[in-house]
Amino acid sequence: MAKMDGQAIGWMRVWPVPVVAGLLLIGYAVLRPARNGRGTAHGSGSDSVARRLLDERCARGEIDKREYQDRWRALR
């Protein structure tokens, strides 16, 4: 059986820290874009498209000002 010095035993206690930190970072990177409408890139992109379409419909006269405001509030 090999003799273990103090340095090897120290690393055996510390190695889970970077592994757990890496897993947390990967989880954050995966779950962050999946959240809907809370300032994420995915949500803000969808909101901007919806608002642009809403603006266009109002400009064409397809919806009135009241309906525009109601729908705009619902998007926020």
PDB file of N, CA and C in Angstrom:
ATOM      1  N   MET A   1       0.844  -1.168   0.000  1.00  0.00           N
ATOM      2  CA  MET A   1       0.000   0.000   0.000  1.00  0.00           C
ATOM      3  C   MET A   1       0.894   1.238   0.000  1.00  0.00           C
ATOM      4  N   ALA A   2       0.539   2.222  -0.810  1.00  0.00           N
ATOM      5  CA  ALA A   2       1.351   3.428  -0.928  1.00  0.00           C
ATOM      6  C   ALA A   2       1.149   4.327   0.281  1.00  0.00           C
ATOM      7  N   LYS A   3       2.224   4.992   0.628  1.00  0.00           N
ATOM      8  CA  LYS A   3       2.170   5.918   1.749  1.00  0.00           C
ATOM      9  C   LYS A   3       1.593   7.255   1.275  1.00  0.00           C
ATOM     10  N   MET A   4       0.630   7.828   2.002  1.00  0.00           N
ATOM     11  CA  MET A   4       0.016   9.097   1.620  1.00  0.00           C
ATOM     12  C   MET A   4       0.547  10.196   2.525  1.00  0.00           C
ATOM     13  N   ASP A   5       1.033  11.250   1.896  1.00  0.00           N
ATOM     14  CA  ASP A   5       1.517  12.369   2.692  1.00  0.00           C
ATOM     15  C   ASP A   5       0.390  13.369   2.933  1.00  0.00           C
ATOM     16  N   GLY A   6       0.657  14.410   3.671  1.00  0.00           N
ATOM     17  CA  GLY A   6      -0.360  15.402   4.025  1.00  0.00           C
ATOM     18  C   GLY A   6      -0.926  16.141   2.830  1.00  0.00           C
ATOM     19  N   GLN A   7      -0.098  16.379   1.810  1.00  0.00           N
ATOM     20  CA  GLN A   7      -0.561  17.109   0.626  1.00  0.00           C
ATOM     21  C   GLN A   7      -1.608  16.301  -0.149  1.00  0.00           C
ATOM     22  N   ALA A   8      -1.392  15.019  -0.289  1.00  0.00           N
ATOM     23  CA  ALA A   8      -2.345  14.169  -1.007  1.00  0.00           C
ATOM     24  C   ALA A   8      -3.676  14.109  -0.269  1.00  0.00           C
ATOM     25  N   ILE A   9      -3.619  13.998   1.034  1.00  0.00           N
ATOM     26  CA  ILE A   9      -4.848  13.953   1.833  1.00  0.00           C
ATOM     27  C   ILE A   9      -5.597  15.279   1.726  1.00  0.00           C
ATOM     28  N   GLY A  10      -4.868  16.395   1.681  1.00  0.00           N
ATOM     29  CA  GLY A  10      -5.496  17.705   1.524  1.00  0.00           C
ATOM     30  C   GLY A  10      -6.248  17.825   0.205  1.00  0.00           C
ATOM     31  N   TRP A  11      -5.641  17.342  -0.884  1.00  0.00           N
ATOM     32  CA  TRP A  11      -6.305  17.396  -2.195  1.00  0.00           C
ATOM     33  C   TRP A  11      -7.537  16.500  -2.236  1.00  0.00           C
ATOM     34  N   MET A  12      -7.496  15.411  -1.498  1.00  0.00           N
ATOM     35  CA  MET A  12      -8.659  14.524  -1.469  1.00  0.00           C
ATOM     36  C   MET A  12      -9.858  15.215  -0.826  1.00  0.00           C
ATOM     37  N   ARG A  13      -9.601  16.138   0.060  1.00  0.00           N
ATOM     38  CA  ARG A  13     -10.692  16.862   0.713  1.00  0.00           C
ATOM     39  C   ARG A  13     -11.181  18.045  -0.128  1.00  0.00           C
ATOM     40  N   VAL A  14     -10.316  18.589  -0.978  1.00  0.00           N
ATOM     41  CA  VAL A  14     -10.626  19.817  -1.714  1.00  0.00           C
ATOM     42  C   VAL A  14     -11.207  19.548  -3.099  1.00  0.00           C
ATOM     43  N   TRP A  15     -10.900  18.437  -3.747  1.00  0.00           N
ATOM     44  CA  TRP A  15     -11.293  18.221  -5.138  1.00  0.00           C
ATOM     45  C   TRP A  15     -12.790  18.343  -5.397  1.00  0.00           C
ATOM     46  N   PRO A  16     -13.700  18.039  -4.463  1.00  0.00           N
ATOM     47  CA  PRO A  16     -15.125  18.195  -4.776  1.00  0.00           C
ATOM     48  C   PRO A  16     -15.547  19.653  -4.985  1.00  0.00           C
ATOM     49  N   VAL A  17     -14.818  20.606  -4.428  1.00  0.00           N
ATOM     50  CA  VAL A  17     -15.203  22.017  -4.543  1.00  0.00           C
ATOM     51  C   VAL A  17     -15.210  22.481  -6.002  1.00  0.00           C
ATOM     52  N   PRO A  18     -14.115  22.309  -6.780  1.00  0.00           N
ATOM     53  CA  PRO A  18     -14.182  22.753  -8.181  1.00  0.00           C
ATOM     54  C   PRO A  18     -15.167  21.934  -9.023  1.00  0.00           C
ATOM     55  N   VAL A  19     -15.351  20.681  -8.679  1.00  0.00           N
ATOM     56  CA  VAL A  19     -16.315  19.856  -9.420  1.00  0.00           C
ATOM     57  C   VAL A  19     -17.735  20.382  -9.211  1.00  0.00           C
ATOM     58  N   VAL A  20     -18.102  20.652  -7.984  1.00  0.00           N
ATOM     59  CA  VAL A  20     -19.436  21.173  -7.687  1.00  0.00           C
ATOM     60  C   VAL A  20     -19.613  22.559  -8.303  1.00  0.00           C
ATOM     61  N   ALA A  21     -18.587  23.406  -8.212  1.00  0.00           N
ATOM     62  CA  ALA A  21     -18.670  24.741  -8.812  1.00  0.00           C
ATOM     63  C   ALA A  21     -18.874  24.641 -10.322  1.00  0.00           C
ATOM     64  N   GLY A  22     -18.166  23.737 -10.967  1.00  0.00           N
ATOM     65  CA  GLY A  22     -18.331  23.539 -12.409  1.00  0.00           C
ATOM     66  C   GLY A  22     -19.726  23.064 -12.770  1.00  0.00           C
ATOM     67  N   LEU A  23     -20.251  22.142 -11.999  1.00  0.00           N
ATOM     68  CA  LEU A  23     -21.612  21.654 -12.254  1.00  0.00           C
ATOM     69  C   LEU A  23     -22.649  22.759 -12.065  1.00  0.00           C
ATOM     70  N   LEU A  24     -22.455  23.587 -11.059  1.00  0.00           N
ATOM     71  CA  LEU A  24     -23.381  24.706 -10.844  1.00  0.00           C
ATOM     72  C   LEU A  24     -23.323  25.694 -12.011  1.00  0.00           C
ATOM     73  N   LEU A  25     -22.126  25.984 -12.506  1.00  0.00           N
ATOM     74  CA  LEU A  25     -21.993  26.895 -13.647  1.00  0.00           C
ATOM     75  C   LEU A  25     -22.656  26.324 -14.898  1.00  0.00           C
ATOM     76  N   ILE A  26     -22.480  25.032 -15.128  1.00  0.00           N
ATOM     77  CA  ILE A  26     -23.119  24.395 -16.284  1.00  0.00           C
ATOM     78  C   ILE A  26     -24.634  24.446 -16.133  1.00  0.00           C
ATOM     79  N   GLY A  27     -25.139  24.149 -14.952  1.00  0.00           N
ATOM     80  CA  GLY A  27     -26.581  24.203 -14.718  1.00  0.00           C
ATOM     81  C   GLY A  27     -27.135  25.599 -14.918  1.00  0.00           C
ATOM     82  N   TYR A  28     -26.406  26.599 -14.442  1.00  0.00           N
ATOM     83  CA  TYR A  28     -26.839  27.990 -14.619  1.00  0.00           C
ATOM     84  C   TYR A  28     -26.870  28.360 -16.097  1.00  0.00           C
ATOM     85  N   ALA A  29     -25.850  27.955 -16.836  1.00  0.00           N
ATOM     86  CA  ALA A  29     -25.789  28.274 -18.267  1.00  0.00           C
ATOM     87  C   ALA A  29     -26.910  27.601 -19.047  1.00  0.00           C
ATOM     88  N   VAL A  30     -27.313  26.423 -18.620  1.00  0.00           N
ATOM     89  CA  VAL A  30     -28.377  25.690 -19.320  1.00  0.00           C
ATOM     90  C   VAL A  30     -29.746  26.231 -18.950  1.00  0.00           C
ATOM     91  N   LEU A  31     -29.975  26.506 -17.674  1.00  0.00           N
ATOM     92  CA  LEU A  31     -31.298  26.912 -17.217  1.00  0.00           C
ATOM     93  C   LEU A  31     -31.586  28.392 -17.437  1.00  0.00           C
ATOM     94  N   ARG A  32     -30.582  29.221 -17.502  1.00  0.00           N
ATOM     95  CA  ARG A  32     -30.804  30.658 -17.639  1.00  0.00           C
ATOM     96  C   ARG A  32     -31.595  31.005 -18.901  1.00  0.00           C
ATOM     97  N   PRO A  33     -31.226  30.511 -20.084  1.00  0.00           N
ATOM     98  CA  PRO A  33     -32.019  30.843 -21.271  1.00  0.00           C
ATOM     99  C   PRO A  33     -33.401  30.198 -21.281  1.00  0.00           C
ATOM    100  N   ALA A  34     -33.601  29.159 -20.487  1.00  0.00           N
ATOM    101  CA  ALA A  34     -34.875  28.457 -20.489  1.00  0.00           C
ATOM    102  C   ALA A  34     -35.964  29.200 -19.733  1.00  0.00           C
ATOM    103  N   ARG A  35     -35.584  30.126 -18.849  1.00  0.00           N
ATOM    104  CA  ARG A  35     -36.605  30.876 -18.112  1.00  0.00           C
ATOM    105  C   ARG A  35     -37.361  31.780 -19.074  1.00  0.00           C
ATOM    106  N   ASN A  36     -38.640  31.947 -18.848  1.00  0.00           N
ATOM    107  CA  ASN A  36     -39.473  32.734 -19.759  1.00  0.00           C
ATOM    108  C   ASN A  36     -39.702  34.147 -19.250  1.00  0.00           C
ATOM    109  N   GLY A  37     -39.399  35.125 -20.099  1.00  0.00           N
ATOM    110  CA  GLY A  37     -39.787  36.506 -19.881  1.00  0.00           C
ATOM    111  C   GLY A  37     -39.251  37.195 -18.656  1.00  0.00           C
ATOM    112  N   ARG A  38     -38.154  36.786 -18.109  1.00  0.00           N
ATOM    113  CA  ARG A  38     -37.622  37.444 -16.922  1.00  0.00           C
ATOM    114  C   ARG A  38     -36.277  38.086 -17.223  1.00  0.00           C
ATOM    115  N   GLY A  39     -36.220  38.819 -18.321  1.00  0.00           N
ATOM    116  CA  GLY A  39     -35.005  39.533 -18.650  1.00  0.00           C
ATOM    117  C   GLY A  39     -33.952  38.676 -19.315  1.00  0.00           C
ATOM    118  N   THR A  40     -34.270  37.453 -19.653  1.00  0.00           N
ATOM    119  CA  THR A  40     -33.314  36.620 -20.340  1.00  0.00           C
ATOM    120  C   THR A  40     -33.313  36.945 -21.810  1.00  0.00           C
ATOM    121  N   ALA A  41     -32.290  36.510 -22.498  1.00  0.00           N
ATOM    122  CA  ALA A  41     -32.193  36.784 -23.922  1.00  0.00           C
ATOM    123  C   ALA A  41     -33.387  36.188 -24.668  1.00  0.00           C
ATOM    124  N   HIS A  42     -33.765  34.977 -24.295  1.00  0.00           N
ATOM    125  CA  HIS A  42     -34.879  34.332 -24.977  1.00  0.00           C
ATOM    126  C   HIS A  42     -36.174  35.082 -24.729  1.00  0.00           C
ATOM    127  N   GLY A  43     -36.460  35.410 -23.498  1.00  0.00           N
ATOM    128  CA  GLY A  43     -37.708  36.088 -23.152  1.00  0.00           C
ATOM    129  C   GLY A  43     -37.787  37.482 -23.721  1.00  0.00           C
ATOM    130  N   SER A  44     -36.713  38.253 -23.639  1.00  0.00           N
ATOM    131  CA  SER A  44     -36.756  39.619 -24.138  1.00  0.00           C
ATOM    132  C   SER A  44     -36.889  39.627 -25.652  1.00  0.00           C
ATOM    133  N   GLY A  45     -36.319  38.633 -26.343  1.00  0.00           N
ATOM    134  CA  GLY A  45     -36.463  38.550 -27.791  1.00  0.00           C
ATOM    135  C   GLY A  45     -37.907  38.274 -28.177  1.00  0.00           C
ATOM    136  N   SER A  46     -38.548  37.363 -27.462  1.00  0.00           N
ATOM    137  CA  SER A  46     -39.944  37.051 -27.732  1.00  0.00           C
ATOM    138  C   SER A  46     -40.836  38.247 -27.436  1.00  0.00           C
ATOM    139  N   ASP A  47     -40.553  38.946 -26.345  1.00  0.00           N
ATOM    140  CA  ASP A  47     -41.341  40.124 -25.989  1.00  0.00           C
ATOM    141  C   ASP A  47     -41.200  41.219 -27.032  1.00  0.00           C
ATOM    142  N   SER A  48     -39.981  41.432 -27.532  1.00  0.00           N
ATOM    143  CA  SER A  48     -39.789  42.499 -28.503  1.00  0.00           C
ATOM    144  C   SER A  48     -40.516  42.184 -29.808  1.00  0.00           C
ATOM    145  N   VAL A  49     -40.543  40.926 -30.215  1.00  0.00           N
ATOM    146  CA  VAL A  49     -41.276  40.535 -31.424  1.00  0.00           C
ATOM    147  C   VAL A  49     -42.765  40.746 -31.211  1.00  0.00           C
ATOM    148  N   ALA A  50     -43.263  40.339 -30.054  1.00  0.00           N
ATOM    149  CA  ALA A  50     -44.691  40.498 -29.767  1.00  0.00           C
ATOM    150  C   ALA A  50     -45.078  41.977 -29.724  1.00  0.00           C
ATOM    151  N   ARG A  51     -44.237  42.796 -29.121  1.00  0.00           N
ATOM    152  CA  ARG A  51     -44.547  44.230 -29.056  1.00  0.00           C
ATOM    153  C   ARG A  51     -44.480  44.874 -30.434  1.00  0.00           C
ATOM    154  N   ARG A  52     -43.529  44.455 -31.238  1.00  0.00           N
ATOM    155  CA  ARG A  52     -43.438  45.005 -32.596  1.00  0.00           C
ATOM    156  C   ARG A  52     -44.699  44.656 -33.404  1.00  0.00           C
ATOM    157  N   LEU A  53     -45.145  43.410 -33.283  1.00  0.00           N
ATOM    158  CA  LEU A  53     -46.365  43.005 -33.984  1.00  0.00           C
ATOM    159  C   LEU A  53     -47.575  43.773 -33.464  1.00  0.00           C
ATOM    160  N   LEU A  54     -47.618  43.991 -32.170  1.00  0.00           N
ATOM    161  CA  LEU A  54     -48.708  44.761 -31.579  1.00  0.00           C
ATOM    162  C   LEU A  54     -48.699  46.191 -32.103  1.00  0.00           C
ATOM    163  N   ASP A  55     -47.511  46.793 -32.175  1.00  0.00           N
ATOM    164  CA  ASP A  55     -47.393  48.152 -32.724  1.00  0.00           C
ATOM    165  C   ASP A  55     -47.862  48.207 -34.174  1.00  0.00           C
ATOM    166  N   GLU A  56     -47.480  47.207 -34.962  1.00  0.00           N
ATOM    167  CA  GLU A  56     -47.874  47.175 -36.371  1.00  0.00           C
ATOM    168  C   GLU A  56     -49.386  47.036 -36.521  1.00  0.00           C
ATOM    169  N   ARG A  57     -49.999  46.181 -35.716  1.00  0.00           N
ATOM    170  CA  ARG A  57     -51.456  46.009 -35.800  1.00  0.00           C
ATOM    171  C   ARG A  57     -52.190  47.289 -35.442  1.00  0.00           C
ATOM    172  N   CYS A  58     -51.671  48.009 -34.445  1.00  0.00           N
ATOM    173  CA  CYS A  58     -52.281  49.274 -34.057  1.00  0.00           C
ATOM    174  C   CYS A  58     -52.111  50.302 -35.179  1.00  0.00           C
ATOM    175  N   ALA A  59     -50.938  50.338 -35.768  1.00  0.00           N
ATOM    176  CA  ALA A  59     -50.674  51.294 -36.846  1.00  0.00           C
ATOM    177  C   ALA A  59     -51.554  51.021 -38.065  1.00  0.00           C
ATOM    178  N   ARG A  60     -51.842  49.763 -38.335  1.00  0.00           N
ATOM    179  CA  ARG A  60     -52.706  49.423 -39.480  1.00  0.00           C
ATOM    180  C   ARG A  60     -54.183  49.616 -39.164  1.00  0.00           C
ATOM    181  N   GLY A  61     -54.508  49.851 -37.887  1.00  0.00           N
ATOM    182  CA  GLY A  61     -55.899  50.050 -37.508  1.00  0.00           C
ATOM    183  C   GLY A  61     -56.651  48.767 -37.218  1.00  0.00           C
ATOM    184  N   GLU A  62     -55.939  47.663 -37.088  1.00  0.00           N
ATOM    185  CA  GLU A  62     -56.581  46.381 -36.806  1.00  0.00           C
ATOM    186  C   GLU A  62     -57.104  46.315 -35.372  1.00  0.00           C
ATOM    187  N   ILE A  63     -56.453  47.034 -34.456  1.00  0.00           N
ATOM    188  CA  ILE A  63     -56.911  47.093 -33.067  1.00  0.00           C
ATOM    189  C   ILE A  63     -56.975  48.558 -32.652  1.00  0.00           C
ATOM    190  N   ASP A  64     -57.878  48.855 -31.725  1.00  0.00           N
ATOM    191  CA  ASP A  64     -57.998  50.241 -31.270  1.00  0.00           C
ATOM    192  C   ASP A  64     -57.033  50.516 -30.121  1.00  0.00           C
ATOM    193  N   LYS A  65     -57.000  51.763 -29.667  1.00  0.00           N
ATOM    194  CA  LYS A  65     -56.049  52.180 -28.641  1.00  0.00           C
ATOM    195  C   LYS A  65     -56.256  51.424 -27.332  1.00  0.00           C
ATOM    196  N   ARG A  66     -57.493  51.215 -26.964  1.00  0.00           N
ATOM    197  CA  ARG A  66     -57.813  50.511 -25.712  1.00  0.00           C
ATOM    198  C   ARG A  66     -57.292  49.076 -25.746  1.00  0.00           C
ATOM    199  N   GLU A  67     -57.559  48.372 -26.841  1.00  0.00           N
ATOM    200  CA  GLU A  67     -57.093  46.994 -26.967  1.00  0.00           C
ATOM    201  C   GLU A  67     -55.559  46.953 -27.009  1.00  0.00           C
ATOM    202  N   TYR A  68     -54.956  47.926 -27.696  1.00  0.00           N
ATOM    203  CA  TYR A  68     -53.502  48.018 -27.744  1.00  0.00           C
ATOM    204  C   TYR A  68     -52.930  48.139 -26.331  1.00  0.00           C
ATOM    205  N   GLN A  69     -53.488  49.041 -25.523  1.00  0.00           N
ATOM    206  CA  GLN A  69     -52.985  49.251 -24.166  1.00  0.00           C
ATOM    207  C   GLN A  69     -53.179  48.017 -23.289  1.00  0.00           C
ATOM    208  N   ASP A  70     -54.326  47.360 -23.426  1.00  0.00           N
ATOM    209  CA  ASP A  70     -54.585  46.151 -22.650  1.00  0.00           C
ATOM    210  C   ASP A  70     -53.572  45.054 -22.988  1.00  0.00           C
ATOM    211  N   ARG A  71     -53.343  44.865 -24.270  1.00  0.00           N
ATOM    212  CA  ARG A  71     -52.404  43.821 -24.699  1.00  0.00           C
ATOM    213  C   ARG A  71     -50.966  44.183 -24.344  1.00  0.00           C
ATOM    214  N   TRP A  72     -50.636  45.472 -24.429  1.00  0.00           N
ATOM    215  CA  TRP A  72     -49.277  45.909 -24.086  1.00  0.00           C
ATOM    216  C   TRP A  72     -49.011  45.640 -22.603  1.00  0.00           C
ATOM    217  N   ARG A  73     -50.013  45.936 -21.751  1.00  0.00           N
ATOM    218  CA  ARG A  73     -49.875  45.654 -20.312  1.00  0.00           C
ATOM    219  C   ARG A  73     -49.734  44.154 -20.044  1.00  0.00           C
ATOM    220  N   ALA A  74     -50.451  43.364 -20.807  1.00  0.00           N
ATOM    221  CA  ALA A  74     -50.371  41.908 -20.630  1.00  0.00           C
ATOM    222  C   ALA A  74     -48.976  41.384 -21.005  1.00  0.00           C
ATOM    223  N   LEU A  75     -48.332  42.036 -21.944  1.00  0.00           N
ATOM    224  CA  LEU A  75     -46.981  41.615 -22.328  1.00  0.00           C
ATOM    225  C   LEU A  75     -45.942  41.968 -21.277  1.00  0.00           C
ATOM    226  N   ARG A  76     -46.191  43.030 -20.521  1.00  0.00           N
ATOM    227  CA  ARG A  76     -45.232  43.417 -19.484  1.00  0.00           C
ATOM    228  C   ARG A  76     -45.315  42.411 -18.398  1.00  0.00           C
TER     229      ARG A  76
END
